[in-house]
C-alpha atoms as a PDB file:
ATOM      1  CA  MET A   1     -18.590   2.738  32.913  1.00  0.00           C
ATOM      2  CA  GLU A   2     -15.537   2.375  30.918  1.00  0.00           C
ATOM      3  CA  ALA A   3     -14.724  -0.337  28.939  1.00  0.00           C
ATOM      4  CA  ILE A   4     -11.652  -2.207  29.272  1.00  0.00           C
ATOM      5  CA  THR A   5      -9.295  -2.305  26.859  1.00  0.00           C
ATOM      6  CA  VAL A   6      -7.118  -5.824  26.939  1.00  0.00           C
ATOM      7  CA  ALA A   7      -4.370  -5.934  24.682  1.00  0.00           C
ATOM      8  CA  VAL A   8      -3.325  -8.473  22.129  1.00  0.00           C
ATOM      9  CA  TYR A   9       0.081 -10.242  21.814  1.00  0.00           C
ATOM     10  CA  THR A  10       1.790 -12.412  19.510  1.00  0.00           C
ATOM     11  CA  LEU A  11       4.876 -14.496  20.014  1.00  0.00           C
ATOM     12  CA  GLY A  12       6.765 -15.976  17.933  1.00  0.00           C
ATOM     13  CA  ILE A  13       9.587 -18.452  19.127  1.00  0.00           C
ATOM     14  CA  TRP A  14      11.927 -19.458  16.340  1.00  0.00           C
ATOM     15  CA  LEU A  15      15.425 -22.203  16.617  1.00  0.00           C
ATOM     16  CA  VAL A  16      17.488 -20.864  14.151  1.00  0.00           C
ATOM     17  CA  HIS A  17      20.608 -23.445  12.479  1.00  0.00           C
ATOM     18  CA  PRO A  18      23.859 -22.644  14.269  1.00  0.00           C
ATOM     19  CA  GLY A  19      25.791 -19.928  12.448  1.00  0.00           C
ATOM     20  CA  ARG A  20      22.827 -18.643  10.151  1.00  0.00           C
ATOM     21  CA  GLU A  21      21.461 -16.148  13.189  1.00  0.00           C
ATOM     22  CA  ASN A  22      22.625 -13.299  11.189  1.00  0.00           C
ATOM     23  CA  ASP A  23      20.866 -14.060   8.742  1.00  0.00           C
ATOM     24  CA  PHE A  24      17.496 -15.000  10.177  1.00  0.00           C
ATOM     25  CA  VAL A  25      17.767 -11.565  12.266  1.00  0.00           C
ATOM     26  CA  GLN A  26      18.447  -9.448   8.962  1.00  0.00           C
ATOM     27  CA  ALA A  27      15.195 -11.896   8.014  1.00  0.00           C
ATOM     28  CA  TRP A  28      13.073 -10.748  10.508  1.00  0.00           C
ATOM     29  CA  ARG A  29      14.195  -7.101  10.094  1.00  0.00           C
ATOM     30  CA  ASP A  30      12.135  -7.498   6.272  1.00  0.00           C
ATOM     31  CA  LEU A  31       9.483  -9.087   7.905  1.00  0.00           C
ATOM     32  CA  ALA A  32       8.683  -6.553  10.603  1.00  0.00           C
ATOM     33  CA  ARG A  33       9.272  -3.804   7.480  1.00  0.00           C
ATOM     34  CA  LYS A  34       6.599  -5.210   5.351  1.00  0.00           C
ATOM     35  CA  THR A  35       4.915  -5.748   7.970  1.00  0.00           C
ATOM     36  CA  GLN A  36       4.739  -2.482   9.316  1.00  0.00           C
ATOM     37  CA  GLU A  37       4.012  -0.967   5.859  1.00  0.00           C
ATOM     38  CA  ASP A  38       0.708  -2.447   5.532  1.00  0.00           C
ATOM     39  CA  TYR A  39       0.476  -2.009   9.803  1.00  0.00           C
ATOM     40  CA  PRO A  40       1.645   1.728  10.215  1.00  0.00           C
ATOM     41  CA  ASN A  41       1.017   1.363  13.707  1.00  0.00           C
ATOM     42  CA  ALA A  42       2.562  -2.524  14.311  1.00  0.00           C
ATOM     43  CA  LYS A  43       5.427  -2.720  17.236  1.00  0.00           C
ATOM     44  CA  ALA A  44       7.721  -5.727  17.275  1.00  0.00           C
ATOM     45  CA  VAL A  45      10.291  -6.671  18.911  1.00  0.00           C
ATOM     46  CA  LEU A  46      12.881  -9.462  18.592  1.00  0.00           C
ATOM     47  CA  LEU A  47      15.026 -10.879  21.682  1.00  0.00           C
ATOM     48  CA  HIS A  48      17.699 -12.995  21.622  1.00  0.00           C
ATOM     49  CA  ASP A  49      18.020 -15.818  24.168  1.00  0.00           C
ATOM     50  CA  HIS A  50      21.302 -15.271  26.225  1.00  0.00           C
ATOM     51  CA  ALA A  51      21.005 -19.686  27.311  1.00  0.00           C
ATOM     52  CA  VAL A  52      20.720 -20.957  24.000  1.00  0.00           C
ATOM     53  CA  PRO A  53      22.257 -19.156  21.465  1.00  0.00           C
ATOM     54  CA  ASN A  54      19.997 -19.903  18.166  1.00  0.00           C
ATOM     55  CA  ARG A  55      16.832 -19.226  19.573  1.00  0.00           C
ATOM     56  CA  PHE A  56      14.784 -15.592  19.176  1.00  0.00           C
ATOM     57  CA  VAL A  57      11.143 -14.471  21.052  1.00  0.00           C
ATOM     58  CA  SER A  58       9.874 -12.186  19.037  1.00  0.00           C
ATOM     59  CA  THR A  59       6.421 -10.368  20.323  1.00  0.00           C
ATOM     60  CA  GLY A  60       4.538  -7.514  20.097  1.00  0.00           C
ATOM     61  CA  PRO A  61       1.495  -6.297  20.218  1.00  0.00           C
ATOM     62  CA  TRP A  62      -2.072  -5.676  18.166  1.00  0.00           C
ATOM     63  CA  GLU A  63      -5.741  -3.805  17.956  1.00  0.00           C
ATOM     64  CA  SER A  64      -7.661  -6.867  17.851  1.00  0.00           C
ATOM     65  CA  LEU A  65      -7.572 -10.662  16.591  1.00  0.00           C
ATOM     66  CA  GLU A  66      -9.202  -9.997  14.040  1.00  0.00           C
ATOM     67  CA  GLN A  67      -6.090  -7.923  12.943  1.00  0.00           C
ATOM     68  CA  ILE A  68      -3.820 -10.538  13.506  1.00  0.00           C
ATOM     69  CA  ASP A  69      -5.960 -12.634  11.394  1.00  0.00           C
ATOM     70  CA  GLN A  70      -5.623 -10.003   8.701  1.00  0.00           C
ATOM     71  CA  TRP A  71      -1.945 -11.115   9.245  1.00  0.00           C
ATOM     72  CA  ARG A  72      -1.296 -13.729   9.408  1.00  0.00           C
ATOM     73  CA  SER A  73      -2.678 -14.057   6.182  1.00  0.00           C
ATOM     74  CA  SER A  74      -1.185 -11.812   4.407  1.00  0.00           C
ATOM     75  CA  ALA A  75       1.137 -12.114   1.284  1.00  0.00           C
ATOM     76  CA  ALA A  76       3.768  -9.905   4.053  1.00  0.00           C
ATOM     77  CA  PHE A  77       3.543 -12.940   6.414  1.00  0.00           C
ATOM     78  CA  SER A  78       3.750 -15.890   4.221  1.00  0.00           C
ATOM     79  CA  GLN A  79       6.770 -14.435   2.111  1.00  0.00           C
ATOM     80  CA  GLY A  80       8.619 -13.555   5.227  1.00  0.00           C
ATOM     81  CA  VAL A  81       7.989 -16.875   6.996  1.00  0.00           C
ATOM     82  CA  GLU A  82       8.719 -18.708   3.625  1.00  0.00           C
ATOM     83  CA  ALA A  83      12.273 -16.722   3.547  1.00  0.00           C
ATOM     84  CA  MET A  84      13.417 -17.899   7.167  1.00  0.00           C
ATOM     85  CA  ARG A  85      12.194 -20.666   6.413  1.00  0.00           C
ATOM     86  CA  ASP A  86      15.225 -22.669   5.363  1.00  0.00           C
ATOM     87  CA  MET A  87      17.513 -21.104   8.343  1.00  0.00           C
ATOM     88  CA  LEU A  88      14.580 -22.546  11.149  1.00  0.00           C
ATOM     89  CA  GLU A  89      14.762 -25.537  12.737  1.00  0.00           C
ATOM     90  CA  HIS A  90      11.407 -24.946  14.674  1.00  0.00           C
ATOM     91  CA  PHE A  91       9.050 -22.242  14.491  1.00  0.00           C
ATOM     92  CA  GLU A  92       6.164 -21.930  17.062  1.00  0.00           C
ATOM     93  CA  SER A  93       3.557 -19.118  16.749  1.00  0.00           C
ATOM     94  CA  ARG A  94       1.121 -17.334  19.903  1.00  0.00           C
ATOM     95  CA  THR A  95      -1.957 -15.457  20.357  1.00  0.00           C
ATOM     96  CA  LEU A  96      -1.740 -14.103  23.715  1.00  0.00           C
ATOM     97  CA  ASP A  97      -4.063 -11.926  25.984  1.00  0.00           C
ATOM     98  CA  GLU A  98      -2.583  -9.925  28.226  1.00  0.00           C
ATOM     99  CA  ALA A  99      -3.435 -11.019  31.848  1.00  0.00           C
ATOM    100  CA  ALA A 100      -0.973  -7.938  33.891  1.00  0.00           C
ATOM    101  CA  SER A 101       0.860  -5.629  33.987  1.00  0.00           C
ATOM    102  CA  ILE A 102       3.675  -2.953  35.485  1.00  0.00           C
ATOM    103  CA  GLY A 103       4.084   0.019  34.678  1.00  0.00           C
END
């Protein structure tokens, strides 16, 4: 019997101080590039909320919970989030398992 692989995702909800949106997008890209240096297979997307112009959502799949823990403990992650800190009103981070998908 073949093992079932369940995808694990990270999710970030970012509420940015109005007027700092472009700075935030650049800082997020910097964090994503540094993450990809350490995790070459890393994939992520940053989404912009139409209804709330200063809200962004980031998400991406990971190979395992252990890899997520390593990344969140890394200098790239802590320095990247710290660089954004003064741009943020609020930041929420989640770890999610895939429950269903299409396509």
